[in-house]
């Protein structure tokens, strides 16, 4: 069994196209998508169109859930919301928040119980992300009867082996390698490379293995679009993998 996992595309269609081309070049036919498909100041509708066309097994991320809630409430001034059509909202609304894939892999966005949780990493008091303690990760995986657990949300690629041998894998972000936030304290996440990132999961005689893939693509158009729409943090992260700090 071999498949690819993508996550956190965030409307970055050129990054998604590069990743899908890389997956195809490797001869991998199965792809799962861990959510946060279109949110942000980039190409929400065009990205949704491509993902809908491919029809990958997919779950809602926290930002997908929020967009659906805004649609159900009736309106929003967000640029991503204004780009999307009814078909896009219905597509996201139809997705589950978690999914068991082929009876062996459990898919979630944040953690199994919380789509907005930092799980394999946490934000420390100084505003820097740090790896979570194994006992905390183990607690989040309790009761999940799967050989491999896939999560996303943080955009930080990571592979953790639990004490019972299960793997928990965050494939990183296809479309956004850095961002800032305010809770629980002001913080910055930055991967340090503008590459689009995803994971390959493979089961063989000795169990599961995970490979993190970093794919180069032309970031110029999406960085310029983010800048034009006033999201300088996104522009910097997409172009360089680092977050511009002089405006924070």
C-alpha atoms as a PDB file:
ATOM      1  CA  UNK A   1       0.000   0.000   0.000  1.00  0.00           C
ATOM      2  CA  UNK A   2       1.400   3.359  -1.056  1.00  0.00           C
ATOM      3  CA  UNK A   3      -0.245   6.750  -1.212  1.00  0.00           C
ATOM      4  CA  UNK A   4       0.447  10.474  -0.943  1.00  0.00           C
ATOM      5  CA  UNK A   5      -0.946  12.895   1.627  1.00  0.00           C
ATOM      6  CA  UNK A   6      -1.409  16.585   0.913  1.00  0.00           C
ATOM      7  CA  UNK A   7      -2.666  19.303   3.252  1.00  0.00           C
ATOM      8  CA  UNK A   8      -3.023  23.043   3.753  1.00  0.00           C
ATOM      9  CA  UNK A   9      -3.113  24.058   0.099  1.00  0.00           C
ATOM     10  CA  UNK A  10      -4.710  27.391   1.088  1.00  0.00           C
ATOM     11  CA  UNK A  11      -5.680  28.381  -2.433  1.00  0.00           C
ATOM     12  CA  UNK A  12      -2.162  28.152  -3.848  1.00  0.00           C
ATOM     13  CA  UNK A  13      -2.969  26.482  -7.156  1.00  0.00           C
ATOM     14  CA  UNK A  14       0.565  26.658  -8.675  1.00  0.00           C
ATOM     15  CA  UNK A  15       1.963  24.869  -5.618  1.00  0.00           C
ATOM     16  CA  UNK A  16      -0.795  22.263  -5.840  1.00  0.00           C
ATOM     17  CA  UNK A  17      -0.151  21.715  -9.546  1.00  0.00           C
ATOM     18  CA  UNK A  18       3.569  21.199  -8.848  1.00  0.00           C
ATOM     19  CA  UNK A  19       2.868  18.674  -6.100  1.00  0.00           C
ATOM     20  CA  UNK A  20       0.339  16.733  -8.196  1.00  0.00           C
ATOM     21  CA  UNK A  21       2.835  16.605 -11.068  1.00  0.00           C
ATOM     22  CA  UNK A  22       5.506  15.273  -8.712  1.00  0.00           C
ATOM     23  CA  UNK A  23       3.129  12.624  -7.356  1.00  0.00           C
ATOM     24  CA  UNK A  24       2.242  11.544 -10.891  1.00  0.00           C
ATOM     25  CA  UNK A  25       5.909  11.402 -11.921  1.00  0.00           C
ATOM     26  CA  UNK A  26       6.551   9.000  -9.033  1.00  0.00           C
ATOM     27  CA  UNK A  27       3.770   6.726 -10.251  1.00  0.00           C
ATOM     28  CA  UNK A  28       1.614   7.184  -7.155  1.00  0.00           C
ATOM     29  CA  UNK A  29      -2.084   6.820  -7.916  1.00  0.00           C
ATOM     30  CA  UNK A  30      -3.683   7.414  -4.511  1.00  0.00           C
ATOM     31  CA  UNK A  31      -3.841  10.801  -2.772  1.00  0.00           C
ATOM     32  CA  UNK A  32      -5.618  11.926   0.393  1.00  0.00           C
ATOM     33  CA  UNK A  33      -6.212  15.551   1.349  1.00  0.00           C
ATOM     34  CA  UNK A  34      -6.186  16.704   4.979  1.00  0.00           C
ATOM     35  CA  UNK A  35      -7.973  20.017   4.605  1.00  0.00           C
ATOM     36  CA  UNK A  36      -7.646  23.806   4.582  1.00  0.00           C
ATOM     37  CA  UNK A  37      -8.054  23.655   0.829  1.00  0.00           C
ATOM     38  CA  UNK A  38      -8.817  27.218  -0.269  1.00  0.00           C
ATOM     39  CA  UNK A  39      -8.755  29.737   2.587  1.00  0.00           C
ATOM     40  CA  UNK A  40      -6.614  32.824   2.152  1.00  0.00           C
ATOM     41  CA  UNK A  41      -5.952  35.665  -0.323  1.00  0.00           C
ATOM     42  CA  UNK A  42      -4.836  33.538  -3.278  1.00  0.00           C
ATOM     43  CA  UNK A  43      -6.876  31.541  -5.818  1.00  0.00           C
ATOM     44  CA  UNK A  44      -9.706  30.009  -3.823  1.00  0.00           C
ATOM     45  CA  UNK A  45     -12.078  29.166  -6.674  1.00  0.00           C
ATOM     46  CA  UNK A  46      -9.455  27.914  -9.147  1.00  0.00           C
ATOM     47  CA  UNK A  47      -7.916  25.722  -6.475  1.00  0.00           C
ATOM     48  CA  UNK A  48     -11.299  24.338  -5.464  1.00  0.00           C
ATOM     49  CA  UNK A  49     -12.053  23.562  -9.105  1.00  0.00           C
ATOM     50  CA  UNK A  50      -8.878  21.507  -9.462  1.00  0.00           C
ATOM     51  CA  UNK A  51      -9.430  19.603  -6.229  1.00  0.00           C
ATOM     52  CA  UNK A  52     -13.062  18.913  -7.105  1.00  0.00           C
ATOM     53  CA  UNK A  53     -11.959  17.594 -10.493  1.00  0.00           C
ATOM     54  CA  UNK A  54      -9.481  15.196  -8.880  1.00  0.00           C
ATOM     55  CA  UNK A  55     -11.967  13.921  -6.291  1.00  0.00           C
ATOM     56  CA  UNK A  56      -9.426  12.872  -3.664  1.00  0.00           C
ATOM     57  CA  UNK A  57     -10.670  11.456  -0.352  1.00  0.00           C
ATOM     58  CA  UNK A  58     -10.732  14.674   1.681  1.00  0.00           C
ATOM     59  CA  UNK A  59     -11.620  16.084   5.080  1.00  0.00           C
ATOM     60  CA  UNK A  60     -12.520  19.576   6.260  1.00  0.00           C
ATOM     61  CA  UNK A  61      -9.879  21.658   7.968  1.00  0.00           C
ATOM     62  CA  UNK A  62     -10.758  24.306  10.516  1.00  0.00           C
ATOM     63  CA  UNK A  63     -10.656  27.022   7.856  1.00  0.00           C
ATOM     64  CA  UNK A  64     -12.923  25.005   5.557  1.00  0.00           C
ATOM     65  CA  UNK A  65     -15.347  24.610   8.447  1.00  0.00           C
ATOM     66  CA  UNK A  66     -15.281  28.370   9.074  1.00  0.00           C
ATOM     67  CA  UNK A  67     -15.932  29.151   5.399  1.00  0.00           C
ATOM     68  CA  UNK A  68     -18.890  26.754   5.377  1.00  0.00           C
ATOM     69  CA  UNK A  69     -20.256  28.358   8.556  1.00  0.00           C
ATOM     70  CA  UNK A  70     -19.966  31.814   6.962  1.00  0.00           C
ATOM     71  CA  UNK A  71     -21.791  30.557   3.872  1.00  0.00           C
ATOM     72  CA  UNK A  72     -24.546  29.063   5.990  1.00  0.00           C
ATOM     73  CA  UNK A  73     -24.803  32.371   7.876  1.00  0.00           C
ATOM     74  CA  UNK A  74     -25.202  34.209   4.603  1.00  0.00           C
ATOM     75  CA  UNK A  75     -22.283  36.528   3.889  1.00  0.00           C
ATOM     76  CA  UNK A  76     -18.682  37.580   4.515  1.00  0.00           C
ATOM     77  CA  UNK A  77     -16.313  40.286   3.285  1.00  0.00           C
ATOM     78  CA  UNK A  78     -13.409  37.812   3.011  1.00  0.00           C
ATOM     79  CA  UNK A  79     -11.808  37.662  -0.445  1.00  0.00           C
ATOM     80  CA  UNK A  80     -11.792  33.848  -0.479  1.00  0.00           C
ATOM     81  CA  UNK A  81     -15.485  33.772   0.433  1.00  0.00           C
ATOM     82  CA  UNK A  82     -16.371  36.216  -2.350  1.00  0.00           C
ATOM     83  CA  UNK A  83     -14.532  34.126  -4.960  1.00  0.00           C
ATOM     84  CA  UNK A  84     -16.256  30.861  -4.133  1.00  0.00           C
ATOM     85  CA  UNK A  85     -19.460  29.643  -5.707  1.00  0.00           C
ATOM     86  CA  UNK A  86     -22.262  27.552  -4.238  1.00  0.00           C
ATOM     87  CA  UNK A  87     -20.750  24.370  -5.679  1.00  0.00           C
ATOM     88  CA  UNK A  88     -17.505  25.032  -3.813  1.00  0.00           C
ATOM     89  CA  UNK A  89     -19.234  25.539  -0.475  1.00  0.00           C
ATOM     90  CA  UNK A  90     -21.359  22.435  -0.985  1.00  0.00           C
ATOM     91  CA  UNK A  91     -18.219  20.463  -1.809  1.00  0.00           C
ATOM     92  CA  UNK A  92     -16.549  21.518   1.452  1.00  0.00           C
ATOM     93  CA  UNK A  93     -19.744  21.072   3.473  1.00  0.00           C
ATOM     94  CA  UNK A  94     -19.989  17.456   2.297  1.00  0.00           C
ATOM     95  CA  UNK A  95     -16.599  16.521   3.756  1.00  0.00           C
ATOM     96  CA  UNK A  96     -16.245  14.768   7.110  1.00  0.00           C
ATOM     97  CA  UNK A  97     -13.981  16.193   9.807  1.00  0.00           C
ATOM     98  CA  UNK A  98     -12.124  12.862  10.091  1.00  0.00           C
ATOM     99  CA  UNK A  99     -11.893   9.817   7.846  1.00  0.00           C
ATOM    100  CA  UNK A 100     -10.593   6.249   7.983  1.00  0.00           C
ATOM    101  CA  UNK A 101      -8.820   5.567   4.701  1.00  0.00           C
ATOM    102  CA  UNK A 102      -8.836   2.007   3.416  1.00  0.00           C
ATOM    103  CA  UNK A 103      -9.285   0.726   6.949  1.00  0.00           C
ATOM    104  CA  UNK A 104      -5.679   1.495   7.905  1.00  0.00           C
ATOM    105  CA  UNK A 105      -4.992   5.235   7.926  1.00  0.00           C
ATOM    106  CA  UNK A 106      -6.868   7.734  10.092  1.00  0.00           C
ATOM    107  CA  UNK A 107      -7.104  11.258   8.664  1.00  0.00           C
ATOM    108  CA  UNK A 108      -7.639  14.363  10.781  1.00  0.00           C
ATOM    109  CA  UNK A 109      -6.760  18.016  10.401  1.00  0.00           C
ATOM    110  CA  UNK A 110      -5.540  19.304  13.769  1.00  0.00           C
ATOM    111  CA  UNK A 111      -5.812  16.316  16.084  1.00  0.00           C
ATOM    112  CA  UNK A 112      -8.330  13.449  16.158  1.00  0.00           C
ATOM    113  CA  UNK A 113     -10.574  15.439  18.504  1.00  0.00           C
ATOM    114  CA  UNK A 114      -9.974  19.061  17.483  1.00  0.00           C
ATOM    115  CA  UNK A 115      -9.593  20.421  13.954  1.00  0.00           C
ATOM    116  CA  UNK A 116      -7.775  23.548  15.220  1.00  0.00           C
ATOM    117  CA  UNK A 117      -5.327  21.865  17.609  1.00  0.00           C
ATOM    118  CA  UNK A 118      -1.554  22.022  17.433  1.00  0.00           C
ATOM    119  CA  UNK A 119      -0.753  18.368  18.109  1.00  0.00           C
ATOM    120  CA  UNK A 120       2.758  17.249  17.137  1.00  0.00           C
ATOM    121  CA  UNK A 121       3.994  20.740  17.923  1.00  0.00           C
ATOM    122  CA  UNK A 122       2.901  23.462  20.327  1.00  0.00           C
ATOM    123  CA  UNK A 123       3.434  27.204  20.675  1.00  0.00           C
ATOM    124  CA  UNK A 124       5.811  27.923  23.556  1.00  0.00           C
ATOM    125  CA  UNK A 125       5.600  30.989  25.774  1.00  0.00           C
ATOM    126  CA  UNK A 126       8.193  32.816  23.664  1.00  0.00           C
ATOM    127  CA  UNK A 127       6.021  32.486  20.555  1.00  0.00           C
ATOM    128  CA  UNK A 128       8.133  29.779  18.937  1.00  0.00           C
ATOM    129  CA  UNK A 129       6.728  26.387  17.843  1.00  0.00           C
ATOM    130  CA  UNK A 130       8.358  23.415  19.529  1.00  0.00           C
ATOM    131  CA  UNK A 131       7.829  19.652  19.295  1.00  0.00           C
ATOM    132  CA  UNK A 132       5.180  18.383  21.687  1.00  0.00           C
ATOM    133  CA  UNK A 133       6.011  15.876  24.404  1.00  0.00           C
ATOM    134  CA  UNK A 134       5.402  12.261  23.504  1.00  0.00           C
ATOM    135  CA  UNK A 135       2.930  11.755  26.366  1.00  0.00           C
ATOM    136  CA  UNK A 136       0.791  14.590  24.980  1.00  0.00           C
ATOM    137  CA  UNK A 137       0.898  13.127  21.479  1.00  0.00           C
ATOM    138  CA  UNK A 138       0.090   9.668  22.825  1.00  0.00           C
ATOM    139  CA  UNK A 139      -2.932  11.033  24.667  1.00  0.00           C
ATOM    140  CA  UNK A 140      -4.277  12.544  21.445  1.00  0.00           C
ATOM    141  CA  UNK A 141      -3.981   9.206  19.651  1.00  0.00           C
ATOM    142  CA  UNK A 142      -5.779   7.218  22.354  1.00  0.00           C
ATOM    143  CA  UNK A 143      -8.647   5.170  20.996  1.00  0.00           C
ATOM    144  CA  UNK A 144      -7.662   5.585  17.326  1.00  0.00           C
ATOM    145  CA  UNK A 145      -7.595   2.073  15.870  1.00  0.00           C
ATOM    146  CA  UNK A 146      -5.382   2.721  12.866  1.00  0.00           C
ATOM    147  CA  UNK A 147      -1.873   1.754  11.845  1.00  0.00           C
ATOM    148  CA  UNK A 148      -0.999   5.279  10.752  1.00  0.00           C
ATOM    149  CA  UNK A 149      -2.488   8.641  11.705  1.00  0.00           C
ATOM    150  CA  UNK A 150      -2.227  11.681   9.445  1.00  0.00           C
ATOM    151  CA  UNK A 151      -2.685  15.218  10.734  1.00  0.00           C
ATOM    152  CA  UNK A 152      -2.063  18.731   9.425  1.00  0.00           C
ATOM    153  CA  UNK A 153      -2.931  22.314  10.495  1.00  0.00           C
ATOM    154  CA  UNK A 154       0.461  23.469  11.814  1.00  0.00           C
ATOM    155  CA  UNK A 155       2.129  23.401   8.351  1.00  0.00           C
ATOM    156  CA  UNK A 156       5.167  21.864  10.090  1.00  0.00           C
ATOM    157  CA  UNK A 157       6.239  18.545   8.515  1.00  0.00           C
ATOM    158  CA  UNK A 158       6.879  15.939  11.166  1.00  0.00           C
ATOM    159  CA  UNK A 159       6.928  12.174  11.702  1.00  0.00           C
ATOM    160  CA  UNK A 160       6.406  10.738  15.197  1.00  0.00           C
ATOM    161  CA  UNK A 161       6.548   7.071  16.173  1.00  0.00           C
ATOM    162  CA  UNK A 162       4.260   6.169  19.066  1.00  0.00           C
ATOM    163  CA  UNK A 163       5.277   3.641  21.699  1.00  0.00           C
ATOM    164  CA  UNK A 164       3.027   0.982  20.180  1.00  0.00           C
ATOM    165  CA  UNK A 165       4.650   1.408  16.759  1.00  0.00           C
ATOM    166  CA  UNK A 166       1.990   3.539  15.076  1.00  0.00           C
ATOM    167  CA  UNK A 167       3.199   6.493  13.026  1.00  0.00           C
ATOM    168  CA  UNK A 168       1.712   9.967  13.238  1.00  0.00           C
ATOM    169  CA  UNK A 169       2.626  12.061  10.206  1.00  0.00           C
ATOM    170  CA  UNK A 170       2.091  15.723   9.403  1.00  0.00           C
ATOM    171  CA  UNK A 171       2.839  16.177   5.674  1.00  0.00           C
ATOM    172  CA  UNK A 172       3.426  19.921   5.985  1.00  0.00           C
ATOM    173  CA  UNK A 173       1.795  22.506   3.761  1.00  0.00           C
ATOM    174  CA  UNK A 174       1.444  22.461  -0.001  1.00  0.00           C
ATOM    175  CA  UNK A 175       0.713  26.166  -0.279  1.00  0.00           C
ATOM    176  CA  UNK A 176       1.854  28.180   2.749  1.00  0.00           C
ATOM    177  CA  UNK A 177       5.228  27.540   4.459  1.00  0.00           C
ATOM    178  CA  UNK A 178       4.875  30.310   7.041  1.00  0.00           C
ATOM    179  CA  UNK A 179       2.308  32.413   8.889  1.00  0.00           C
ATOM    180  CA  UNK A 180       1.715  34.284  12.142  1.00  0.00           C
ATOM    181  CA  UNK A 181      -0.943  34.044  14.827  1.00  0.00           C
ATOM    182  CA  UNK A 182      -2.004  35.587  18.118  1.00  0.00           C
ATOM    183  CA  UNK A 183      -3.151  32.727  20.387  1.00  0.00           C
ATOM    184  CA  UNK A 184      -2.155  31.491  22.916  1.00  0.00           C
ATOM    185  CA  UNK A 185       0.568  34.168  22.544  1.00  0.00           C
ATOM    186  CA  UNK A 186       1.729  36.050  19.427  1.00  0.00           C
ATOM    187  CA  UNK A 187       3.712  33.551  17.366  1.00  0.00           C
ATOM    188  CA  UNK A 188       5.322  32.882  14.006  1.00  0.00           C
ATOM    189  CA  UNK A 189       5.583  29.573  12.159  1.00  0.00           C
ATOM    190  CA  UNK A 190       8.091  29.397   9.311  1.00  0.00           C
ATOM    191  CA  UNK A 191       9.454  26.280   7.642  1.00  0.00           C
ATOM    192  CA  UNK A 192      12.447  28.022   6.061  1.00  0.00           C
ATOM    193  CA  UNK A 193      11.927  26.952   2.466  1.00  0.00           C
ATOM    194  CA  UNK A 194       9.379  28.110  -0.138  1.00  0.00           C
ATOM    195  CA  UNK A 195       8.984  24.576  -1.486  1.00  0.00           C
ATOM    196  CA  UNK A 196       5.573  22.935  -1.578  1.00  0.00           C
ATOM    197  CA  UNK A 197       5.571  20.024   0.843  1.00  0.00           C
ATOM    198  CA  UNK A 198       3.696  16.721   1.033  1.00  0.00           C
ATOM    199  CA  UNK A 199       4.230  13.168   2.300  1.00  0.00           C
ATOM    200  CA  UNK A 200       4.420   9.698   0.798  1.00  0.00           C
ATOM    201  CA  UNK A 201       3.230   6.841   3.014  1.00  0.00           C
ATOM    202  CA  UNK A 202       4.147   3.255   2.209  1.00  0.00           C
ATOM    203  CA  UNK A 203       3.453  -0.048   3.948  1.00  0.00           C
ATOM    204  CA  UNK A 204       5.830  -2.952   3.405  1.00  0.00           C
ATOM    205  CA  UNK A 205       6.923  -6.038   5.329  1.00  0.00           C
ATOM    206  CA  UNK A 206       8.508  -4.054   8.152  1.00  0.00           C
ATOM    207  CA  UNK A 207       5.600  -1.664   8.580  1.00  0.00           C
ATOM    208  CA  UNK A 208       4.911   1.908   7.572  1.00  0.00           C
ATOM    209  CA  UNK A 209       7.475   4.357   6.285  1.00  0.00           C
ATOM    210  CA  UNK A 210       7.011   8.055   5.588  1.00  0.00           C
ATOM    211  CA  UNK A 211       8.867  10.287   3.150  1.00  0.00           C
ATOM    212  CA  UNK A 212       8.520  14.070   3.178  1.00  0.00           C
ATOM    213  CA  UNK A 213       8.843  15.618  -0.277  1.00  0.00           C
ATOM    214  CA  UNK A 214       9.762  19.259  -0.948  1.00  0.00           C
ATOM    215  CA  UNK A 215       8.807  20.390  -4.449  1.00  0.00           C
ATOM    216  CA  UNK A 216      10.146  23.529  -6.111  1.00  0.00           C
ATOM    217  CA  UNK A 217       7.763  25.711  -8.111  1.00  0.00           C
ATOM    218  CA  UNK A 218       7.595  29.298  -9.353  1.00  0.00           C
ATOM    219  CA  UNK A 219       6.333  31.256  -6.341  1.00  0.00           C
ATOM    220  CA  UNK A 220       6.378  34.644  -8.099  1.00  0.00           C
ATOM    221  CA  UNK A 221       2.702  34.957  -9.024  1.00  0.00           C
ATOM    222  CA  UNK A 222       1.286  33.838  -5.680  1.00  0.00           C
ATOM    223  CA  UNK A 223       3.702  35.971  -3.655  1.00  0.00           C
ATOM    224  CA  UNK A 224       2.754  38.976  -5.799  1.00  0.00           C
ATOM    225  CA  UNK A 225      -0.962  38.240  -5.392  1.00  0.00           C
ATOM    226  CA  UNK A 226      -0.614  37.985  -1.615  1.00  0.00           C
ATOM    227  CA  UNK A 227       1.297  41.267  -1.564  1.00  0.00           C
ATOM    228  CA  UNK A 228      -1.267  43.003  -3.764  1.00  0.00           C
ATOM    229  CA  UNK A 229      -4.015  41.903  -1.388  1.00  0.00           C
ATOM    230  CA  UNK A 230      -2.185  43.299   1.634  1.00  0.00           C
ATOM    231  CA  UNK A 231      -1.088  40.018   3.239  1.00  0.00           C
ATOM    232  CA  UNK A 232       2.632  40.666   3.552  1.00  0.00           C
ATOM    233  CA  UNK A 233       3.169  37.724   5.904  1.00  0.00           C
ATOM    234  CA  UNK A 234       1.861  35.371   3.228  1.00  0.00           C
ATOM    235  CA  UNK A 235       3.856  37.104   0.487  1.00  0.00           C
ATOM    236  CA  UNK A 236       7.097  36.723   2.407  1.00  0.00           C
ATOM    237  CA  UNK A 237       6.445  33.118   3.420  1.00  0.00           C
ATOM    238  CA  UNK A 238       5.460  32.021  -0.087  1.00  0.00           C
ATOM    239  CA  UNK A 239       8.486  33.695  -1.658  1.00  0.00           C
ATOM    240  CA  UNK A 240      11.123  32.652   0.877  1.00  0.00           C
ATOM    241  CA  UNK A 241       9.770  30.244   3.494  1.00  0.00           C
ATOM    242  CA  UNK A 242      10.346  32.909   6.148  1.00  0.00           C
ATOM    243  CA  UNK A 243       7.960  35.468   7.634  1.00  0.00           C
ATOM    244  CA  UNK A 244       8.682  39.156   7.177  1.00  0.00           C
ATOM    245  CA  UNK A 245       8.745  40.670  10.650  1.00  0.00           C
ATOM    246  CA  UNK A 246       9.086  44.421  10.192  1.00  0.00           C
ATOM    247  CA  UNK A 247       5.318  44.856   9.910  1.00  0.00           C
ATOM    248  CA  UNK A 248       4.273  42.496  12.723  1.00  0.00           C
END
